[in-house]
Every structure is written in C-alpha cells, then in structure tokens.
Amino acid sequence: MELDKLVLEIRKKGYNDKEKLMKDLNLLIKEIHNGLKSEIAKAKKANKNVSDIEKELNRILDSLKRLREEKQYQTIRNIKFVMDKRGSEAIELLKKLKQ
C-alpha cells in the first residue's frame, strides 16, 4: 500500500480498540521505513545530500516506535493523531526526496 493512501485511510478510520490501531501503526512504520529507505538509497546513488532527511526519518520512526511501546498510557485519539501527523511528515519527506 502506498504511504499517502495509508495515511488517508488512518485519518478516515474510526478505531474502537487499540488492537486494530496497533496493526495499522505497525503497517505505517513498515511502509515509512521501506518506502523512504529505498528513496534515500536512490538519492544517494544520484549523489544527493540526504543526511538531513535521514535524521528526520529516524526522528519520525523513533516517535512511532515509542508510541507503540507506550500504547497503554495513550488514548486511542492521541495515538491516531500522532500517527496522522508523523505519516504526513513522512509524505513531505518523500516529496522532498523525489524532487
């Protein structure tokens, strides 16, 4: 699934329990990691400087992983908000890489 479609789906979905939300969180982490890492590799082959983008990607992934670890302390609404925000940030990074 493409990252932008996944973020849009998360935005529209209503979650009743954290289990479904965690499945989508894991899918989001996987999609961001795989999609952006491959784009960064392509940019490096083209001799582009991507160190700032790599730092931002690591910040986003760390934030989502921390959210997954601390799920019991967070509300469903808060988790969904952070997922949406970090997903949108990842989409912006992807757009920067493709320029």
N, C-alpha and C. Protein backbone atom coordinates (compact mmCIF):
# COMPACT_ATOMS: atom_id res chain seq x y z
N MET A 1 0.84 -1.18 0.00
CA MET A 1 0.00 0.00 0.00
C MET A 1 0.89 1.24 0.00
N GLU A 2 0.48 2.24 -0.72
CA GLU A 2 1.26 3.47 -0.75
C GLU A 2 1.08 4.25 0.54
N LEU A 3 2.10 5.00 0.88
CA LEU A 3 2.12 5.73 2.14
C LEU A 3 0.98 6.74 2.22
N ASP A 4 0.77 7.52 1.16
CA ASP A 4 -0.27 8.55 1.23
C ASP A 4 -1.67 7.93 1.35
N LYS A 5 -1.89 6.79 0.71
CA LYS A 5 -3.19 6.11 0.83
C LYS A 5 -3.38 5.57 2.24
N LEU A 6 -2.31 5.05 2.81
CA LEU A 6 -2.38 4.51 4.16
C LEU A 6 -2.68 5.61 5.18
N VAL A 7 -2.02 6.75 5.05
CA VAL A 7 -2.26 7.87 5.97
C VAL A 7 -3.70 8.36 5.83
N LEU A 8 -4.19 8.44 4.61
CA LEU A 8 -5.57 8.87 4.37
C LEU A 8 -6.56 7.87 4.98
N GLU A 9 -6.26 6.59 4.86
CA GLU A 9 -7.12 5.55 5.44
C GLU A 9 -7.13 5.65 6.96
N ILE A 10 -5.97 5.88 7.56
CA ILE A 10 -5.89 6.02 9.02
C ILE A 10 -6.69 7.23 9.47
N ARG A 11 -6.61 8.30 8.71
CA ARG A 11 -7.33 9.53 9.03
C ARG A 11 -8.85 9.30 9.05
N LYS A 12 -9.33 8.53 8.09
CA LYS A 12 -10.78 8.32 7.94
C LYS A 12 -11.34 7.25 8.87
N LYS A 13 -10.51 6.30 9.26
CA LYS A 13 -10.97 5.15 10.03
C LYS A 13 -11.33 5.54 11.45
N GLY A 14 -12.37 4.89 11.96
CA GLY A 14 -12.72 5.03 13.36
C GLY A 14 -12.26 3.78 14.10
N TYR A 15 -11.53 3.95 15.17
CA TYR A 15 -10.98 2.81 15.91
C TYR A 15 -11.73 2.66 17.23
N ASN A 16 -12.14 1.42 17.50
CA ASN A 16 -12.81 1.13 18.77
C ASN A 16 -11.88 0.51 19.79
N ASP A 17 -10.83 -0.13 19.31
CA ASP A 17 -9.88 -0.73 20.25
C ASP A 17 -8.45 -0.52 19.77
N LYS A 18 -7.55 -0.65 20.69
CA LYS A 18 -6.14 -0.38 20.39
C LYS A 18 -5.51 -1.47 19.54
N GLU A 19 -6.09 -2.66 19.53
CA GLU A 19 -5.50 -3.76 18.77
C GLU A 19 -5.50 -3.46 17.27
N LYS A 20 -6.62 -2.98 16.75
CA LYS A 20 -6.70 -2.62 15.33
C LYS A 20 -5.80 -1.43 15.03
N LEU A 21 -5.76 -0.51 15.96
CA LEU A 21 -4.92 0.67 15.81
C LEU A 21 -3.44 0.29 15.77
N MET A 22 -3.05 -0.67 16.60
CA MET A 22 -1.65 -1.11 16.62
C MET A 22 -1.27 -1.83 15.33
N LYS A 23 -2.21 -2.56 14.74
CA LYS A 23 -1.93 -3.20 13.45
C LYS A 23 -1.64 -2.15 12.39
N ASP A 24 -2.45 -1.08 12.39
CA ASP A 24 -2.22 -0.01 11.42
C ASP A 24 -0.95 0.77 11.74
N LEU A 25 -0.64 0.92 13.02
CA LEU A 25 0.61 1.59 13.40
C LEU A 25 1.81 0.79 12.90
N ASN A 26 1.78 -0.52 13.07
CA ASN A 26 2.87 -1.36 12.57
C ASN A 26 2.99 -1.29 11.06
N LEU A 27 1.85 -1.26 10.38
CA LEU A 27 1.85 -1.14 8.93
C LEU A 27 2.42 0.21 8.50
N LEU A 28 2.07 1.26 9.23
CA LEU A 28 2.59 2.60 8.92
C LEU A 28 4.11 2.65 9.11
N ILE A 29 4.60 2.10 10.21
CA ILE A 29 6.04 2.07 10.46
C ILE A 29 6.76 1.32 9.34
N LYS A 30 6.21 0.16 8.98
CA LYS A 30 6.82 -0.65 7.92
C LYS A 30 6.83 0.10 6.59
N GLU A 31 5.72 0.75 6.26
CA GLU A 31 5.60 1.47 4.99
C GLU A 31 6.57 2.66 4.94
N ILE A 32 6.66 3.40 6.03
CA ILE A 32 7.58 4.54 6.09
C ILE A 32 9.02 4.04 5.97
N HIS A 33 9.35 3.03 6.74
CA HIS A 33 10.72 2.50 6.73
C HIS A 33 11.12 2.01 5.35
N ASN A 34 10.31 1.15 4.77
CA ASN A 34 10.66 0.56 3.47
C ASN A 34 10.64 1.59 2.35
N GLY A 35 9.60 2.41 2.32
CA GLY A 35 9.46 3.38 1.23
C GLY A 35 10.53 4.46 1.25
N LEU A 36 10.75 5.05 2.40
CA LEU A 36 11.72 6.14 2.47
C LEU A 36 13.16 5.64 2.40
N LYS A 37 13.43 4.49 2.97
CA LYS A 37 14.80 3.96 2.89
C LYS A 37 15.19 3.68 1.44
N SER A 38 14.26 3.16 0.65
CA SER A 38 14.59 2.89 -0.76
C SER A 38 14.78 4.19 -1.53
N GLU A 39 13.98 5.21 -1.23
CA GLU A 39 14.13 6.51 -1.90
C GLU A 39 15.45 7.18 -1.49
N ILE A 40 15.84 7.03 -0.23
CA ILE A 40 17.11 7.58 0.23
C ILE A 40 18.26 6.89 -0.48
N ALA A 41 18.17 5.59 -0.65
CA ALA A 41 19.22 4.84 -1.36
C ALA A 41 19.34 5.32 -2.80
N LYS A 42 18.20 5.57 -3.45
CA LYS A 42 18.22 6.08 -4.82
C LYS A 42 18.86 7.47 -4.88
N ALA A 43 18.52 8.31 -3.90
CA ALA A 43 19.08 9.66 -3.87
C ALA A 43 20.58 9.63 -3.62
N LYS A 44 21.03 8.72 -2.79
CA LYS A 44 22.47 8.60 -2.53
C LYS A 44 23.21 8.16 -3.79
N LYS A 45 22.61 7.27 -4.56
CA LYS A 45 23.23 6.84 -5.81
C LYS A 45 23.34 8.00 -6.79
N ALA A 46 22.41 8.95 -6.68
CA ALA A 46 22.43 10.13 -7.55
C ALA A 46 23.30 11.23 -6.95
N ASN A 47 24.06 10.91 -5.91
CA ASN A 47 24.98 11.83 -5.23
C ASN A 47 24.28 13.06 -4.64
N LYS A 48 23.09 12.85 -4.09
CA LYS A 48 22.40 13.93 -3.40
C LYS A 48 22.74 13.85 -1.91
N ASN A 49 22.75 15.00 -1.26
CA ASN A 49 22.99 15.05 0.18
C ASN A 49 21.65 14.82 0.89
N VAL A 50 21.53 13.72 1.58
CA VAL A 50 20.27 13.37 2.22
C VAL A 50 20.42 13.18 3.74
N SER A 51 21.47 13.70 4.31
CA SER A 51 21.70 13.48 5.74
C SER A 51 20.60 14.11 6.60
N ASP A 52 20.12 15.30 6.22
CA ASP A 52 19.04 15.94 6.98
C ASP A 52 17.75 15.13 6.89
N ILE A 53 17.49 14.60 5.71
CA ILE A 53 16.28 13.81 5.52
C ILE A 53 16.38 12.50 6.30
N GLU A 54 17.57 11.90 6.35
CA GLU A 54 17.76 10.68 7.14
C GLU A 54 17.53 10.94 8.62
N LYS A 55 18.01 12.08 9.12
CA LYS A 55 17.80 12.42 10.53
C LYS A 55 16.32 12.59 10.82
N GLU A 56 15.62 13.27 9.92
CA GLU A 56 14.18 13.49 10.09
C GLU A 56 13.42 12.15 10.04
N LEU A 57 13.82 11.28 9.13
CA LEU A 57 13.21 9.95 9.03
C LEU A 57 13.41 9.17 10.33
N ASN A 58 14.60 9.20 10.86
CA ASN A 58 14.87 8.49 12.12
C ASN A 58 14.06 9.07 13.27
N ARG A 59 13.87 10.39 13.28
CA ARG A 59 13.06 11.03 14.31
C ARG A 59 11.60 10.56 14.22
N ILE A 60 11.08 10.50 13.00
CA ILE A 60 9.70 10.06 12.79
C ILE A 60 9.53 8.60 13.22
N LEU A 61 10.46 7.75 12.79
CA LEU A 61 10.37 6.33 13.14
C LEU A 61 10.52 6.11 14.64
N ASP A 62 11.42 6.84 15.28
CA ASP A 62 11.59 6.72 16.73
C ASP A 62 10.32 7.13 17.46
N SER A 63 9.70 8.20 16.98
CA SER A 63 8.46 8.68 17.60
C SER A 63 7.36 7.62 17.49
N LEU A 64 7.23 7.01 16.32
CA LEU A 64 6.19 5.98 16.14
C LEU A 64 6.50 4.73 16.95
N LYS A 65 7.76 4.34 17.02
CA LYS A 65 8.13 3.16 17.81
C LYS A 65 7.91 3.40 19.30
N ARG A 66 8.21 4.61 19.75
CA ARG A 66 7.98 4.96 21.15
C ARG A 66 6.48 4.94 21.46
N LEU A 67 5.69 5.42 20.50
CA LEU A 67 4.24 5.40 20.65
C LEU A 67 3.73 3.96 20.78
N ARG A 68 4.30 3.06 20.01
CA ARG A 68 3.90 1.65 20.06
C ARG A 68 4.25 1.05 21.43
N GLU A 69 5.41 1.42 21.96
CA GLU A 69 5.84 0.89 23.26
C GLU A 69 5.01 1.43 24.41
N GLU A 70 4.55 2.67 24.28
CA GLU A 70 3.82 3.32 25.37
C GLU A 70 2.32 3.34 25.13
N LYS A 71 1.81 2.41 24.34
CA LYS A 71 0.40 2.41 23.95
C LYS A 71 -0.56 2.34 25.13
N GLN A 72 -0.17 1.66 26.20
CA GLN A 72 -1.08 1.52 27.33
C GLN A 72 -1.32 2.84 28.06
N TYR A 73 -0.41 3.79 27.89
CA TYR A 73 -0.54 5.07 28.56
C TYR A 73 -1.23 6.12 27.70
N GLN A 74 -1.51 5.79 26.44
CA GLN A 74 -2.07 6.75 25.50
C GLN A 74 -3.52 6.42 25.18
N THR A 75 -4.28 7.44 24.83
CA THR A 75 -5.65 7.22 24.39
C THR A 75 -5.64 6.88 22.90
N ILE A 76 -6.71 6.27 22.44
CA ILE A 76 -6.83 5.94 21.02
C ILE A 76 -6.75 7.20 20.18
N ARG A 77 -7.41 8.24 20.64
CA ARG A 77 -7.43 9.51 19.90
C ARG A 77 -6.02 10.09 19.77
N ASN A 78 -5.26 10.05 20.84
CA ASN A 78 -3.90 10.58 20.83
C ASN A 78 -2.99 9.76 19.90
N ILE A 79 -3.11 8.45 19.96
CA ILE A 79 -2.29 7.59 19.10
C ILE A 79 -2.61 7.87 17.64
N LYS A 80 -3.90 7.97 17.32
CA LYS A 80 -4.31 8.24 15.94
C LYS A 80 -3.80 9.59 15.48
N PHE A 81 -3.84 10.60 16.35
CA PHE A 81 -3.35 11.93 16.00
C PHE A 81 -1.86 11.90 15.67
N VAL A 82 -1.08 11.23 16.50
CA VAL A 82 0.37 11.15 16.27
C VAL A 82 0.66 10.36 14.99
N MET A 83 -0.08 9.28 14.77
CA MET A 83 0.11 8.50 13.54
C MET A 83 -0.15 9.36 12.31
N ASP A 84 -1.22 10.14 12.35
CA ASP A 84 -1.57 11.01 11.23
C ASP A 84 -0.49 12.07 11.00
N LYS A 85 -0.05 12.67 12.09
CA LYS A 85 0.96 13.74 11.98
C LYS A 85 2.28 13.20 11.45
N ARG A 86 2.76 12.10 12.01
CA ARG A 86 4.04 11.53 11.56
C ARG A 86 3.93 10.98 10.14
N GLY A 87 2.78 10.43 9.80
CA GLY A 87 2.57 9.96 8.43
C GLY A 87 2.62 11.10 7.43
N SER A 88 2.00 12.22 7.79
CA SER A 88 2.03 13.41 6.92
C SER A 88 3.45 13.95 6.78
N GLU A 89 4.21 13.93 7.87
CA GLU A 89 5.60 14.37 7.81
C GLU A 89 6.41 13.46 6.90
N ALA A 90 6.15 12.17 6.96
CA ALA A 90 6.87 11.21 6.11
C ALA A 90 6.53 11.44 4.63
N ILE A 91 5.29 11.77 4.35
CA ILE A 91 4.89 12.07 2.97
C ILE A 91 5.64 13.29 2.46
N GLU A 92 5.78 14.31 3.30
CA GLU A 92 6.52 15.51 2.91
C GLU A 92 7.99 15.17 2.63
N LEU A 93 8.58 14.32 3.46
CA LEU A 93 9.97 13.90 3.22
C LEU A 93 10.09 13.16 1.90
N LEU A 94 9.12 12.33 1.61
CA LEU A 94 9.13 11.58 0.35
C LEU A 94 9.06 12.52 -0.84
N LYS A 95 8.25 13.57 -0.71
CA LYS A 95 8.16 14.56 -1.79
C LYS A 95 9.49 15.29 -1.98
N LYS A 96 10.16 15.61 -0.87
CA LYS A 96 11.47 16.27 -0.96
C LYS A 96 12.48 15.38 -1.66
N LEU A 97 12.44 14.09 -1.35
CA LEU A 97 13.39 13.15 -1.95
C LEU A 97 13.17 13.00 -3.45
N LYS A 98 11.94 13.07 -3.87
CA LYS A 98 11.63 12.85 -5.29
C LYS A 98 11.88 14.08 -6.14
N GLN A 99 12.15 15.21 -5.52
CA GLN A 99 12.42 16.44 -6.29
C GLN A 99 13.77 16.39 -6.94
